[in-house]
PDB file of all heavy atoms in Angstrom:
ATOM      1  N   ALA A   1      14.855   8.022 -13.397  1.00  0.00           N
ATOM      2  CA  ALA A   1      14.997   7.323 -12.119  1.00  0.00           C
ATOM      3  C   ALA A   1      13.995   6.183 -12.053  1.00  0.00           C
ATOM      4  O   ALA A   1      12.818   6.361 -12.395  1.00  0.00           O
ATOM      5  CB  ALA A   1      14.787   8.279 -10.954  1.00  0.00           C
ATOM      6  N   TYR A   2      14.487   5.000 -11.636  1.00  0.00           N
ATOM      7  CA  TYR A   2      13.629   3.820 -11.523  1.00  0.00           C
ATOM      8  C   TYR A   2      13.874   3.130 -10.179  1.00  0.00           C
ATOM      9  O   TYR A   2      15.007   3.119  -9.675  1.00  0.00           O
ATOM     10  CB  TYR A   2      13.912   2.832 -12.662  1.00  0.00           C
ATOM     11  CG  TYR A   2      13.671   3.404 -14.041  1.00  0.00           C
ATOM     12  CD1 TYR A   2      14.739   3.853 -14.821  1.00  0.00           C
ATOM     13  CD2 TYR A   2      12.382   3.492 -14.547  1.00  0.00           C
ATOM     14  CE1 TYR A   2      14.536   4.387 -16.074  1.00  0.00           C
ATOM     15  CE2 TYR A   2      12.167   4.032 -15.814  1.00  0.00           C
ATOM     16  CZ  TYR A   2      13.240   4.470 -16.563  1.00  0.00           C
ATOM     17  OH  TYR A   2      13.009   5.013 -17.808  1.00  0.00           O
ATOM     18  N   VAL A   3      12.806   2.567  -9.627  1.00  0.00           N
ATOM     19  CA  VAL A   3      12.909   1.725  -8.434  1.00  0.00           C
ATOM     20  C   VAL A   3      12.580   0.311  -8.877  1.00  0.00           C
ATOM     21  O   VAL A   3      11.451   0.027  -9.284  1.00  0.00           O
ATOM     22  CB  VAL A   3      11.952   2.190  -7.317  1.00  0.00           C
ATOM     23  CG1 VAL A   3      12.104   1.290  -6.087  1.00  0.00           C
ATOM     24  CG2 VAL A   3      12.219   3.636  -6.942  1.00  0.00           C
ATOM     25  N   ALA A   4      13.584  -0.580  -8.822  1.00  0.00           N
ATOM     26  CA  ALA A   4      13.446  -1.904  -9.409  1.00  0.00           C
ATOM     27  C   ALA A   4      13.265  -2.981  -8.342  1.00  0.00           C
ATOM     28  O   ALA A   4      13.863  -2.922  -7.266  1.00  0.00           O
ATOM     29  CB  ALA A   4      14.672  -2.233 -10.247  1.00  0.00           C
ATOM     30  N   GLY A   5      12.443  -3.986  -8.681  1.00  0.00           N
ATOM     31  CA  GLY A   5      12.343  -5.191  -7.857  1.00  0.00           C
ATOM     32  C   GLY A   5      11.430  -5.081  -6.655  1.00  0.00           C
ATOM     33  O   GLY A   5      11.421  -5.976  -5.800  1.00  0.00           O
ATOM     34  N   ALA A   6      10.646  -4.008  -6.561  1.00  0.00           N
ATOM     35  CA  ALA A   6       9.751  -3.866  -5.407  1.00  0.00           C
ATOM     36  C   ALA A   6       8.566  -4.798  -5.546  1.00  0.00           C
ATOM     37  O   ALA A   6       7.924  -4.868  -6.588  1.00  0.00           O
ATOM     38  CB  ALA A   6       9.269  -2.423  -5.299  1.00  0.00           C
ATOM     39  N   GLY A   7       8.289  -5.530  -4.473  1.00  0.00           N
ATOM     40  CA  GLY A   7       7.143  -6.430  -4.478  1.00  0.00           C
ATOM     41  C   GLY A   7       6.475  -6.458  -3.117  1.00  0.00           C
ATOM     42  O   GLY A   7       7.034  -6.017  -2.109  1.00  0.00           O
ATOM     43  N   GLY A   8       5.277  -6.982  -3.068  1.00  0.00           N
ATOM     44  CA  GLY A   8       4.574  -7.153  -1.800  1.00  0.00           C
ATOM     45  C   GLY A   8       4.368  -5.845  -1.064  1.00  0.00           C
ATOM     46  O   GLY A   8       3.978  -4.819  -1.634  1.00  0.00           O
ATOM     47  N   LYS A   9       4.673  -5.854   0.249  1.00  0.00           N
ATOM     48  CA  LYS A   9       4.437  -4.687   1.094  1.00  0.00           C
ATOM     49  C   LYS A   9       5.355  -3.525   0.744  1.00  0.00           C
ATOM     50  O   LYS A   9       4.987  -2.359   0.902  1.00  0.00           O
ATOM     51  CB  LYS A   9       4.611  -5.063   2.561  1.00  0.00           C
ATOM     52  CG  LYS A   9       3.535  -6.016   3.075  1.00  0.00           C
ATOM     53  CD  LYS A   9       3.700  -6.286   4.554  1.00  0.00           C
ATOM     54  CE  LYS A   9       2.576  -7.194   5.055  1.00  0.00           C
ATOM     55  NZ  LYS A   9       2.703  -7.473   6.511  1.00  0.00           N
ATOM     56  N   VAL A  10       6.562  -3.842   0.239  1.00  0.00           N
ATOM     57  CA  VAL A  10       7.475  -2.771  -0.158  1.00  0.00           C
ATOM     58  C   VAL A  10       6.886  -1.985  -1.324  1.00  0.00           C
ATOM     59  O   VAL A  10       6.884  -0.741  -1.319  1.00  0.00           O
ATOM     60  CB  VAL A  10       8.857  -3.356  -0.535  1.00  0.00           C
ATOM     61  CG1 VAL A  10       9.757  -2.272  -1.124  1.00  0.00           C
ATOM     62  CG2 VAL A  10       9.518  -3.986   0.686  1.00  0.00           C
ATOM     63  N   ARG A  11       6.348  -2.699  -2.317  1.00  0.00           N
ATOM     64  CA  ARG A  11       5.735  -2.013  -3.471  1.00  0.00           C
ATOM     65  C   ARG A  11       4.504  -1.228  -3.033  1.00  0.00           C
ATOM     66  O   ARG A  11       4.294  -0.081  -3.470  1.00  0.00           O
ATOM     67  CB  ARG A  11       5.368  -3.044  -4.542  1.00  0.00           C
ATOM     68  CG  ARG A  11       4.866  -2.400  -5.831  1.00  0.00           C
ATOM     69  CD  ARG A  11       4.431  -3.421  -6.860  1.00  0.00           C
ATOM     70  NE  ARG A  11       4.094  -2.780  -8.116  1.00  0.00           N
ATOM     71  CZ  ARG A  11       4.912  -2.635  -9.147  1.00  0.00           C
ATOM     72  NH1 ARG A  11       6.159  -3.087  -9.065  1.00  0.00           N
ATOM     73  NH2 ARG A  11       4.522  -2.024 -10.247  1.00  0.00           N
ATOM     74  N   GLU A  12       3.686  -1.832  -2.138  1.00  0.00           N
ATOM     75  CA  GLU A  12       2.490  -1.137  -1.657  1.00  0.00           C
ATOM     76  C   GLU A  12       2.859   0.181  -0.979  1.00  0.00           C
ATOM     77  O   GLU A  12       2.221   1.214  -1.196  1.00  0.00           O
ATOM     78  CB  GLU A  12       1.724  -2.028  -0.671  1.00  0.00           C
ATOM     79  CG  GLU A  12       1.035  -3.224  -1.311  1.00  0.00           C
ATOM     80  CD  GLU A  12       0.360  -4.107  -0.279  1.00  0.00           C
ATOM     81  OE1 GLU A  12       0.210  -3.651   0.893  1.00  0.00           O
ATOM     82  OE2 GLU A  12      -0.009  -5.245  -0.622  1.00  0.00           O
ATOM     83  N   ARG A  13       3.900   0.142  -0.145  1.00  0.00           N
ATOM     84  CA  ARG A  13       4.286   1.364   0.563  1.00  0.00           C
ATOM     85  C   ARG A  13       4.804   2.414  -0.415  1.00  0.00           C
ATOM     86  O   ARG A  13       4.471   3.596  -0.314  1.00  0.00           O
ATOM     87  CB  ARG A  13       5.341   1.043   1.617  1.00  0.00           C
ATOM     88  CG  ARG A  13       5.973   2.260   2.262  1.00  0.00           C
ATOM     89  CD  ARG A  13       6.507   1.969   3.635  1.00  0.00           C
ATOM     90  NE  ARG A  13       5.418   1.868   4.601  1.00  0.00           N
ATOM     91  CZ  ARG A  13       5.599   1.699   5.906  1.00  0.00           C
ATOM     92  NH1 ARG A  13       6.822   1.589   6.395  1.00  0.00           N
ATOM     93  NH2 ARG A  13       4.581   1.622   6.722  1.00  0.00           N
ATOM     94  N   LEU A  14       5.629   2.019  -1.373  1.00  0.00           N
ATOM     95  CA  LEU A  14       6.152   2.969  -2.361  1.00  0.00           C
ATOM     96  C   LEU A  14       5.018   3.586  -3.173  1.00  0.00           C
ATOM     97  O   LEU A  14       5.029   4.796  -3.453  1.00  0.00           O
ATOM     98  CB  LEU A  14       7.156   2.267  -3.282  1.00  0.00           C
ATOM     99  CG  LEU A  14       8.493   1.858  -2.640  1.00  0.00           C
ATOM    100  CD1 LEU A  14       9.270   0.945  -3.576  1.00  0.00           C
ATOM    101  CD2 LEU A  14       9.324   3.088  -2.280  1.00  0.00           C
ATOM    102  N   GLU A  15       4.048   2.760  -3.565  1.00  0.00           N
ATOM    103  CA  GLU A  15       2.924   3.272  -4.351  1.00  0.00           C
ATOM    104  C   GLU A  15       2.067   4.225  -3.533  1.00  0.00           C
ATOM    105  O   GLU A  15       1.572   5.234  -4.049  1.00  0.00           O
ATOM    106  CB  GLU A  15       2.090   2.099  -4.879  1.00  0.00           C
ATOM    107  CG  GLU A  15       2.791   1.316  -5.984  1.00  0.00           C
ATOM    108  CD  GLU A  15       1.985   0.103  -6.428  1.00  0.00           C
ATOM    109  OE1 GLU A  15       1.057  -0.294  -5.681  1.00  0.00           O
ATOM    110  OE2 GLU A  15       2.288  -0.444  -7.504  1.00  0.00           O
ATOM    111  N   ARG A  16       1.870   3.906  -2.230  1.00  0.00           N
ATOM    112  CA  ARG A  16       1.081   4.803  -1.380  1.00  0.00           C
ATOM    113  C   ARG A  16       1.766   6.163  -1.230  1.00  0.00           C
ATOM    114  O   ARG A  16       1.108   7.183  -1.083  1.00  0.00           O
ATOM    115  CB  ARG A  16       0.870   4.179   0.004  1.00  0.00           C
ATOM    116  CG  ARG A  16      -0.202   3.107   0.042  1.00  0.00           C
ATOM    117  CD  ARG A  16      -0.746   2.917   1.451  1.00  0.00           C
ATOM    118  NE  ARG A  16       0.298   2.591   2.416  1.00  0.00           N
ATOM    119  CZ  ARG A  16       0.690   1.357   2.699  1.00  0.00           C
ATOM    120  NH1 ARG A  16       0.133   0.324   2.072  1.00  0.00           N
ATOM    121  NH2 ARG A  16       1.637   1.137   3.594  1.00  0.00           N
ATOM    122  N   PHE A  17       3.095   6.165  -1.265  1.00  0.00           N
ATOM    123  CA  PHE A  17       3.820   7.423  -1.170  1.00  0.00           C
ATOM    124  C   PHE A  17       3.932   8.135  -2.524  1.00  0.00           C
ATOM    125  O   PHE A  17       4.479   9.230  -2.596  1.00  0.00           O
ATOM    126  CB  PHE A  17       5.226   7.172  -0.608  1.00  0.00           C
ATOM    127  CG  PHE A  17       5.290   7.139   0.881  1.00  0.00           C
ATOM    128  CD1 PHE A  17       4.755   6.082   1.588  1.00  0.00           C
ATOM    129  CD2 PHE A  17       5.863   8.183   1.593  1.00  0.00           C
ATOM    130  CE1 PHE A  17       4.802   6.040   2.963  1.00  0.00           C
ATOM    131  CE2 PHE A  17       5.905   8.157   2.976  1.00  0.00           C
ATOM    132  CZ  PHE A  17       5.379   7.087   3.672  1.00  0.00           C
ATOM    133  N   GLY A  18       3.426   7.491  -3.581  1.00  0.00           N
ATOM    134  CA  GLY A  18       3.438   8.132  -4.899  1.00  0.00           C
ATOM    135  C   GLY A  18       4.793   8.168  -5.560  1.00  0.00           C
ATOM    136  O   GLY A  18       5.084   9.084  -6.346  1.00  0.00           O
ATOM    137  N   VAL A  19       5.663   7.191  -5.251  1.00  0.00           N
ATOM    138  CA  VAL A  19       6.993   7.146  -5.856  1.00  0.00           C
ATOM    139  C   VAL A  19       6.856   6.746  -7.334  1.00  0.00           C
ATOM    140  O   VAL A  19       6.162   5.767  -7.666  1.00  0.00           O
ATOM    141  CB  VAL A  19       7.893   6.137  -5.109  1.00  0.00           C
ATOM    142  CG1 VAL A  19       9.256   6.026  -5.804  1.00  0.00           C
ATOM    143  CG2 VAL A  19       8.071   6.581  -3.661  1.00  0.00           C
ATOM    144  N   HIS A  20       7.517   7.482  -8.213  1.00  0.00           N
ATOM    145  CA  HIS A  20       7.435   7.232  -9.653  1.00  0.00           C
ATOM    146  C   HIS A  20       8.495   6.219 -10.103  1.00  0.00           C
ATOM    147  O   HIS A  20       9.514   6.041  -9.440  1.00  0.00           O
ATOM    148  CB  HIS A  20       7.630   8.530 -10.447  1.00  0.00           C
ATOM    149  CG  HIS A  20       6.594   9.562 -10.151  1.00  0.00           C
ATOM    150  ND1 HIS A  20       5.301   9.485 -10.633  1.00  0.00           N
ATOM    151  CD2 HIS A  20       6.662  10.703  -9.409  1.00  0.00           C
ATOM    152  CE1 HIS A  20       4.615  10.534 -10.207  1.00  0.00           C
ATOM    153  NE2 HIS A  20       5.422  11.288  -9.462  1.00  0.00           N
ATOM    154  N   GLY A  21       8.235   5.584 -11.229  1.00  0.00           N
ATOM    155  CA  GLY A  21       9.231   4.737 -11.870  1.00  0.00           C
ATOM    156  C   GLY A  21       9.413   3.375 -11.223  1.00  0.00           C
ATOM    157  O   GLY A  21      10.515   2.819 -11.281  1.00  0.00           O
ATOM    158  N   ILE A  22       8.368   2.803 -10.624  1.00  0.00           N
ATOM    159  CA  ILE A  22       8.484   1.493  -9.990  1.00  0.00           C
ATOM    160  C   ILE A  22       8.364   0.412 -11.068  1.00  0.00           C
ATOM    161  O   ILE A  22       7.380   0.366 -11.811  1.00  0.00           O
ATOM    162  CB  ILE A  22       7.384   1.287  -8.923  1.00  0.00           C
ATOM    163  CG1 ILE A  22       7.480   2.380  -7.853  1.00  0.00           C
ATOM    164  CG2 ILE A  22       7.495  -0.090  -8.291  1.00  0.00           C
ATOM    165  CD1 ILE A  22       6.352   2.330  -6.846  1.00  0.00           C
ATOM    166  N   LEU A  23       9.390  -0.454 -11.173  1.00  0.00           N
ATOM    167  CA  LEU A  23       9.384  -1.545 -12.137  1.00  0.00           C
ATOM    168  C   LEU A  23       9.542  -2.879 -11.417  1.00  0.00           C
ATOM    169  O   LEU A  23      10.083  -2.937 -10.308  1.00  0.00           O
ATOM    170  CB  LEU A  23      10.501  -1.360 -13.164  1.00  0.00           C
ATOM    171  CG  LEU A  23      10.383  -0.106 -14.046  1.00  0.00           C
ATOM    172  CD1 LEU A  23      11.603   0.033 -14.939  1.00  0.00           C
ATOM    173  CD2 LEU A  23       9.105  -0.160 -14.887  1.00  0.00           C
ATOM    174  N   ALA A  24       9.089  -3.943 -12.068  1.00  0.00           N
ATOM    175  CA  ALA A  24       9.011  -5.242 -11.406  1.00  0.00           C
ATOM    176  C   ALA A  24      10.360  -5.885 -11.150  1.00  0.00           C
ATOM    177  O   ALA A  24      10.527  -6.644 -10.203  1.00  0.00           O
ATOM    178  CB  ALA A  24       8.134  -6.195 -12.230  1.00  0.00           C
ATOM    179  N   SER A  25      11.362  -5.608 -12.006  1.00  0.00           N
ATOM    180  CA  SER A  25      12.640  -6.303 -11.856  1.00  0.00           C
ATOM    181  C   SER A  25      13.807  -5.387 -12.223  1.00  0.00           C
ATOM    182  O   SER A  25      13.634  -4.345 -12.864  1.00  0.00           O
ATOM    183  CB  SER A  25      12.683  -7.552 -12.740  1.00  0.00           C
ATOM    184  OG  SER A  25      12.692  -7.190 -14.108  1.00  0.00           O
ATOM    185  N   ARG A  26      15.001  -5.805 -11.827  1.00  0.00           N
ATOM    186  CA  ARG A  26      16.209  -5.063 -12.152  1.00  0.00           C
ATOM    187  C   ARG A  26      16.472  -5.103 -13.658  1.00  0.00           C
ATOM    188  O   ARG A  26      16.918  -4.119 -14.257  1.00  0.00           O
ATOM    189  CB  ARG A  26      17.378  -5.663 -11.376  1.00  0.00           C
ATOM    190  CG  ARG A  26      18.688  -4.918 -11.532  1.00  0.00           C
ATOM    191  CD  ARG A  26      19.728  -5.453 -10.563  1.00  0.00           C
ATOM    192  NE  ARG A  26      19.892  -6.906 -10.725  1.00  0.00           N
ATOM    193  CZ  ARG A  26      20.004  -7.747  -9.691  1.00  0.00           C
ATOM    194  NH1 ARG A  26      19.968  -7.315  -8.451  1.00  0.00           N
ATOM    195  NH2 ARG A  26      20.174  -9.044  -9.918  1.00  0.00           N
ATOM    196  N   LEU A  27      16.168  -6.253 -14.288  1.00  0.00           N
ATOM    197  CA  LEU A  27      16.360  -6.372 -15.733  1.00  0.00           C
ATOM    198  C   LEU A  27      15.481  -5.380 -16.474  1.00  0.00           C
ATOM    199  O   LEU A  27      15.932  -4.707 -17.419  1.00  0.00           O
ATOM    200  CB  LEU A  27      16.049  -7.799 -16.185  1.00  0.00           C
ATOM    201  CG  LEU A  27      16.156  -8.073 -17.687  1.00  0.00           C
ATOM    202  CD1 LEU A  27      17.580  -7.802 -18.189  1.00  0.00           C
ATOM    203  CD2 LEU A  27      15.750  -9.522 -17.999  1.00  0.00           C
ATOM    204  N   SER A  28      14.218  -5.239 -16.031  1.00  0.00           N
ATOM    205  CA  SER A  28      13.302  -4.284 -16.673  1.00  0.00           C
ATOM    206  C   SER A  28      13.835  -2.862 -16.535  1.00  0.00           C
ATOM    207  O   SER A  28      13.758  -2.057 -17.478  1.00  0.00           O
ATOM    208  CB  SER A  28      11.914  -4.371 -16.037  1.00  0.00           C
ATOM    209  OG  SER A  28      11.370  -5.663 -16.185  1.00  0.00           O
ATOM    210  N   ALA A  29      14.404  -2.545 -15.369  1.00  0.00           N
ATOM    211  CA  ALA A  29      14.932  -1.209 -15.145  1.00  0.00           C
ATOM    212  C   ALA A  29      16.151  -0.944 -16.038  1.00  0.00           C
ATOM    213  O   ALA A  29      16.311   0.154 -16.591  1.00  0.00           O
ATOM    214  CB  ALA A  29      15.299  -1.034 -13.672  1.00  0.00           C
ATOM    215  N   LEU A  30      17.041  -1.944 -16.155  1.00  0.00           N
ATOM    216  CA  LEU A  30      18.212  -1.775 -17.022  1.00  0.00           C
ATOM    217  C   LEU A  30      17.801  -1.622 -18.484  1.00  0.00           C
ATOM    218  O   LEU A  30      18.403  -0.849 -19.238  1.00  0.00           O
ATOM    219  CB  LEU A  30      19.159  -2.964 -16.847  1.00  0.00           C
ATOM    220  CG  LEU A  30      19.950  -2.992 -15.524  1.00  0.00           C
ATOM    221  CD1 LEU A  30      20.624  -4.348 -15.344  1.00  0.00           C
ATOM    222  CD2 LEU A  30      20.986  -1.867 -15.511  1.00  0.00           C
ATOM    223  N   GLU A  31      16.790  -2.390 -18.896  1.00  0.00           N
ATOM    224  CA  GLU A  31      16.298  -2.255 -20.282  1.00  0.00           C
ATOM    225  C   GLU A  31      15.712  -0.869 -20.503  1.00  0.00           C
ATOM    226  O   GLU A  31      15.947  -0.240 -21.544  1.00  0.00           O
ATOM    227  CB  GLU A  31      15.250  -3.330 -20.560  1.00  0.00           C
ATOM    228  CG  GLU A  31      15.835  -4.735 -20.652  1.00  0.00           C
ATOM    229  CD  GLU A  31      14.755  -5.807 -20.759  1.00  0.00           C
ATOM    230  OE1 GLU A  31      13.581  -5.484 -20.453  1.00  0.00           O
ATOM    231  OE2 GLU A  31      15.084  -6.946 -21.150  1.00  0.00           O
ATOM    232  N   ALA A  32      14.958  -0.345 -19.521  1.00  0.00           N
ATOM    233  CA  ALA A  32      14.391   0.998 -19.645  1.00  0.00           C
ATOM    234  C   ALA A  32      15.499   2.047 -19.684  1.00  0.00           C
ATOM    235  O   ALA A  32      15.432   3.013 -20.460  1.00  0.00           O
ATOM    236  CB  ALA A  32      13.440   1.268 -18.475  1.00  0.00           C
ATOM    237  N   ALA A  33      16.542   1.854 -18.843  1.00  0.00           N
ATOM    238  CA  ALA A  33      17.666   2.800 -18.832  1.00  0.00           C
ATOM    239  C   ALA A  33      18.385   2.791 -20.179  1.00  0.00           C
ATOM    240  O   ALA A  33      18.734   3.853 -20.731  1.00  0.00           O
ATOM    241  CB  ALA A  33      18.628   2.430 -17.706  1.00  0.00           C
ATOM    242  N   HIS A  34      18.612   1.605 -20.738  1.00  0.00           N
ATOM    243  CA  HIS A  34      19.285   1.491 -22.037  1.00  0.00           C
ATOM    244  C   HIS A  34      18.463   2.174 -23.119  1.00  0.00           C
ATOM    245  O   HIS A  34      19.002   2.873 -23.992  1.00  0.00           O
ATOM    246  CB  HIS A  34      19.490   0.009 -22.374  1.00  0.00           C
ATOM    247  CG  HIS A  34      20.297  -0.223 -23.592  1.00  0.00           C
ATOM    248  ND1 HIS A  34      19.724  -0.355 -24.855  1.00  0.00           N
ATOM    249  CD2 HIS A  34      21.655  -0.320 -23.791  1.00  0.00           C
ATOM    250  CE1 HIS A  34      20.662  -0.541 -25.744  1.00  0.00           C
ATOM    251  NE2 HIS A  34      21.855  -0.522 -25.129  1.00  0.00           N
ATOM    252  N   SER A  35      17.145   1.994 -23.026  1.00  0.00           N
ATOM    253  CA  SER A  35      16.257   2.617 -24.011  1.00  0.00           C
ATOM    254  C   SER A  35      16.304   4.137 -23.889  1.00  0.00           C
ATOM    255  O   SER A  35      16.369   4.847 -24.907  1.00  0.00           O
ATOM    256  CB  SER A  35      14.828   2.121 -23.800  1.00  0.00           C
ATOM    257  OG  SER A  35      13.929   2.792 -24.646  1.00  0.00           O
TER     258      SER A  35
END
């Protein structure tokens, strides 16, 4: 499971809640899924 494209306050909130698998972009998430 990946959360893609989170930035700014959205990323801060997800990180504070300890959500795993946060990636910078949708492309990075698709590459990780393919891998």
